[in-house]
Amino acid sequence: MKNQKAIDKELYSILQSKETDQLHIFISYLDAEKKCAAEDLSICEKMFLSDQGKNHTQCQNAAMTRAVAAKIGWPVCGTCVSHLYADY
């Protein structure tokens, strides 16, 4: 189980699916060269990184990712967004 402090330390990227145009959130990290890299599967497990179209954010903290997702609105996957508010 993750607590809110652990979630707040993770980095996230909001990526658009080439196939559906829906936006999904990926857990991300900075690699050894300080470049943003993302997990292969979105938080909701409905989008693969290989289906990536446009990047909306890269390697942002949870607060910034929540703000961007709220500004974008309904095109962002609700399941992915709910992970940012998890209190478990």
Foldseek 3Di string as FASTA:
>chain_A
DDALVVLQPWFKWWFAFQVPRAIFIFTWDQDPVRDIDTDQAGPVRPDGPVRTDDTPDTGHGLVVVLVSDVVVPDSYDPVRNVVSVDHD
